[in-house]
Structure formats: structure tokens, C-alpha cells
């Protein structure tokens, strides 16, 4: 009896680890699909639900309205987006997952007021995503993003810019 309970616990732990890995893979897949290097990416819908919501900059956006916001900001003309995740915490249930994490983002893009000048922007966000199970994978239903630091600087003419993707 003890051996059966122990084996069941090990199997349950392994399945939970697999689910946690799948949930984090969905988060990373979303940001890869969303990166400017792949934008606009019709495959973004593989990572999000049809009723996806993102709370960003104090506003709620569904995907079409967020894409409209990005297009209005000239996102397709940006040169690089890179996101690095840390302090990842994952909770999984039978039908859903929740991830909280720190997101460090670095962007390079033309200055909206002077297209000849490149800007380097570094951000730090505290973020949280709610994912639902869709078959054997997860999709993001909700993303909450709170920007805690933002630094923008001009890239000097003698500074070498190299693209990073993420």
C-alpha cells in the first residue's frame, strides 16, 4: 500500500512538472511570436485564447486592439525586442495554470521624433499570466503587466548596434 501511494505521488509530481514546463513554454512561445522579429505573426493565435485580454499601461486590450496600439506606435519598424524572464512561479491545476514572473525587456527602435536616431529602451515589469488547458497544451487567456522601471537612451553614432531576438 505504501509503495502504491509513493508511486502515485511520483507520477503526479512528474505530470505536474511536465505541466509547469508546458505552461512556461507557452509563455515563451507567446513572446517569441510577439517579438518584432516575427511581427506581424498570424501564429500568435496559437498561443492565446480567442477571448485573450492584456492589461498594459492601465488599459485593457483584446488582441485586435493591442495590435492596433502596436501598429500606431510603429512597432513593425522597431529593430529589436528581447525579453528575459526571472523569478518564475508556476501553479497548475487540472484545467489551468498561473505564472507570475519578472520580465526584463530591451528594445531598439527609431526615435518617433527623429527617424535617424535609434533609441535603446530597458524595462522591468512584474507580470502575471493565466493560462487555460487546450488539449495537451496551454493558451494564454489573460496577461497583467505592471511596468516598474523604464530607461530610454539614445544610441550614439559611434556605438555599434547588434540585433538580439527574444
Protein backbone atom coordinates (compact mmCIF):
# COMPACT_ATOMS: atom_id res chain seq x y z
CA UNK A 1 0.00 0.00 0.00
CA UNK A 2 2.79 2.45 0.91
CA UNK A 3 4.61 1.64 -2.31
CA UNK A 4 1.42 2.30 -4.34
CA UNK A 5 0.90 5.69 -2.68
CA UNK A 6 4.57 6.56 -3.17
CA UNK A 7 4.44 5.59 -6.88
CA UNK A 8 1.23 7.59 -7.40
CA UNK A 9 2.87 10.61 -5.75
CA UNK A 10 5.91 10.33 -8.03
CA UNK A 11 3.72 10.07 -11.14
CA UNK A 12 1.63 13.05 -10.00
CA UNK A 13 4.78 15.09 -9.33
CA UNK A 14 6.20 14.21 -12.77
CA UNK A 15 2.93 15.18 -14.51
CA UNK A 16 2.86 18.47 -12.58
CA UNK A 17 6.47 19.19 -13.64
CA UNK A 18 5.50 18.46 -17.27
CA UNK A 19 2.53 20.84 -16.97
CA UNK A 20 4.71 23.56 -15.43
CA UNK A 21 7.21 23.15 -18.26
CA UNK A 22 4.40 23.31 -20.84
CA UNK A 23 2.95 26.45 -19.24
CA UNK A 24 6.32 28.24 -19.26
CA UNK A 25 6.88 27.09 -22.86
CA UNK A 26 3.57 28.74 -23.78
CA UNK A 27 4.67 32.00 -22.14
CA UNK A 28 7.98 31.94 -24.02
CA UNK A 29 6.25 30.92 -27.26
CA UNK A 30 3.88 33.88 -26.96
CA UNK A 31 6.73 36.36 -26.54
CA UNK A 32 8.69 34.77 -29.41
CA UNK A 33 5.63 35.04 -31.68
CA UNK A 34 5.04 38.60 -30.46
CA UNK A 35 8.65 39.74 -30.99
CA UNK A 36 9.24 42.41 -33.60
CA UNK A 37 11.48 39.99 -35.48
CA UNK A 38 8.33 37.94 -36.22
CA UNK A 39 5.75 40.74 -36.31
CA UNK A 40 3.05 40.66 -37.54
CA UNK A 41 2.75 36.98 -36.81
CA UNK A 42 -0.54 35.20 -37.55
CA UNK A 43 0.72 32.31 -35.41
CA UNK A 44 0.22 34.48 -32.31
CA UNK A 45 -3.25 32.91 -32.10
CA UNK A 46 -1.64 29.53 -31.37
CA UNK A 47 -0.52 30.97 -28.02
CA UNK A 48 -3.60 32.94 -26.94
CA UNK A 49 -7.32 32.23 -26.49
CA UNK A 50 -9.98 33.84 -28.67
CA UNK A 51 -11.01 36.00 -25.68
CA UNK A 52 -7.42 36.95 -24.70
CA UNK A 53 -7.04 40.13 -22.63
CA UNK A 54 -3.91 42.06 -21.74
CA UNK A 55 -3.83 44.79 -19.10
CA UNK A 56 -0.99 47.09 -20.09
CA UNK A 57 -0.36 50.75 -19.24
CA UNK A 58 -3.53 50.90 -17.17
CA UNK A 59 -5.72 49.82 -20.09
CA UNK A 60 -7.44 46.58 -21.10
CA UNK A 61 -6.84 45.35 -24.64
CA UNK A 62 -8.04 42.32 -26.56
CA UNK A 63 -5.57 41.11 -29.21
CA UNK A 64 -7.00 43.17 -32.12
CA UNK A 65 -6.98 46.39 -30.08
CA UNK A 66 -3.48 45.68 -28.71
CA UNK A 67 -2.24 45.01 -32.24
CA UNK A 68 -3.83 48.33 -33.26
CA UNK A 69 -1.98 50.05 -30.42
CA UNK A 70 1.31 48.47 -31.54
CA UNK A 71 0.72 49.43 -35.17
CA UNK A 72 0.01 53.02 -34.10
CA UNK A 73 3.29 53.07 -32.17
CA UNK A 74 5.26 51.97 -35.24
CA UNK A 75 6.13 48.58 -33.71
CA UNK A 76 6.70 46.97 -37.14
CA UNK A 77 9.61 49.41 -37.66
CA UNK A 78 11.39 48.54 -34.43
CA UNK A 79 14.73 46.80 -34.84
CA UNK A 80 14.84 44.52 -31.82
CA UNK A 81 12.82 43.22 -28.90
CA UNK A 82 14.28 40.96 -26.24
CA UNK A 83 12.59 39.64 -23.11
CA UNK A 84 14.26 37.77 -20.26
CA UNK A 85 12.17 36.11 -17.55
CA UNK A 86 13.19 35.51 -13.95
CA UNK A 87 11.60 34.71 -10.59
CA UNK A 88 9.14 32.44 -12.40
CA UNK A 89 6.45 30.93 -10.17
CA UNK A 90 4.03 28.43 -11.68
CA UNK A 91 0.81 26.97 -10.25
CA UNK A 92 -1.04 24.30 -12.20
CA UNK A 93 -4.49 22.76 -11.78
CA UNK A 94 -6.28 20.25 -13.96
CA UNK A 95 -7.65 22.91 -16.34
CA UNK A 96 -5.47 25.98 -15.88
CA UNK A 97 -2.12 27.42 -14.90
CA UNK A 98 -0.94 30.70 -13.44
CA UNK A 99 2.55 32.15 -13.85
CA UNK A 100 4.00 35.20 -12.15
CA UNK A 101 7.43 36.44 -13.16
CA UNK A 102 9.74 39.39 -13.66
CA UNK A 103 10.17 40.42 -17.28
CA UNK A 104 13.26 42.40 -18.33
CA UNK A 105 12.75 43.83 -21.81
CA UNK A 106 15.21 45.62 -24.05
CA UNK A 107 14.05 47.32 -27.24
CA UNK A 108 15.82 49.18 -30.04
CA UNK A 109 13.70 51.40 -32.26
CA UNK A 110 13.78 54.66 -34.23
CA UNK A 111 13.03 57.80 -32.26
CA UNK A 112 9.45 58.80 -33.21
CA UNK A 113 10.61 62.44 -33.43
CA UNK A 114 13.82 61.74 -35.39
CA UNK A 115 13.88 58.58 -37.53
CA UNK A 116 17.67 58.87 -37.94
CA UNK A 117 18.18 58.43 -34.18
CA UNK A 118 17.92 54.97 -32.60
CA UNK A 119 16.70 54.57 -29.04
CA UNK A 120 17.60 51.83 -26.57
CA UNK A 121 14.83 51.18 -24.04
CA UNK A 122 15.16 48.96 -20.97
CA UNK A 123 12.10 47.98 -18.96
CA UNK A 124 11.34 45.87 -15.95
CA UNK A 125 7.81 44.56 -15.49
CA UNK A 126 6.08 42.47 -12.87
CA UNK A 127 3.77 40.24 -14.87
CA UNK A 128 1.23 37.53 -14.38
CA UNK A 129 -0.48 35.25 -16.90
CA UNK A 130 -3.49 33.00 -16.59
CA UNK A 131 -3.48 30.07 -19.00
CA UNK A 132 -6.15 27.53 -19.78
CA UNK A 133 -5.58 23.98 -20.90
CA UNK A 134 -6.41 23.35 -24.55
CA UNK A 135 -5.95 19.65 -25.21
CA UNK A 136 -2.37 18.75 -24.33
CA UNK A 137 -1.12 22.34 -24.21
CA UNK A 138 -1.89 25.72 -22.66
CA UNK A 139 -3.03 29.04 -24.15
CA UNK A 140 -2.81 32.47 -22.52
CA UNK A 141 -6.19 33.91 -21.60
CA UNK A 142 -5.04 36.90 -19.53
CA UNK A 143 -1.80 38.86 -19.11
CA UNK A 144 -1.33 41.56 -16.45
CA UNK A 145 1.73 43.77 -16.87
CA UNK A 146 2.95 46.43 -14.44
CA UNK A 147 5.97 48.46 -15.55
CA UNK A 148 8.23 49.20 -12.58
CA UNK A 149 11.25 50.76 -14.33
CA UNK A 150 11.84 52.27 -17.75
CA UNK A 151 15.02 53.82 -19.11
CA UNK A 152 15.39 55.23 -22.61
CA UNK A 153 18.66 56.47 -24.05
CA UNK A 154 19.82 57.49 -27.49
CA UNK A 155 22.28 55.17 -29.19
CA UNK A 156 25.31 57.25 -30.11
CA UNK A 157 26.69 57.30 -33.65
CA UNK A 158 29.89 55.53 -32.58
CA UNK A 159 28.01 52.81 -30.67
CA UNK A 160 27.56 49.55 -32.53
CA UNK A 161 24.04 48.20 -32.61
CA UNK A 162 23.62 44.44 -32.87
CA UNK A 163 20.25 42.79 -33.03
CA UNK A 164 19.10 40.39 -30.35
CA UNK A 165 15.99 38.34 -30.68
CA UNK A 166 13.74 37.06 -27.97
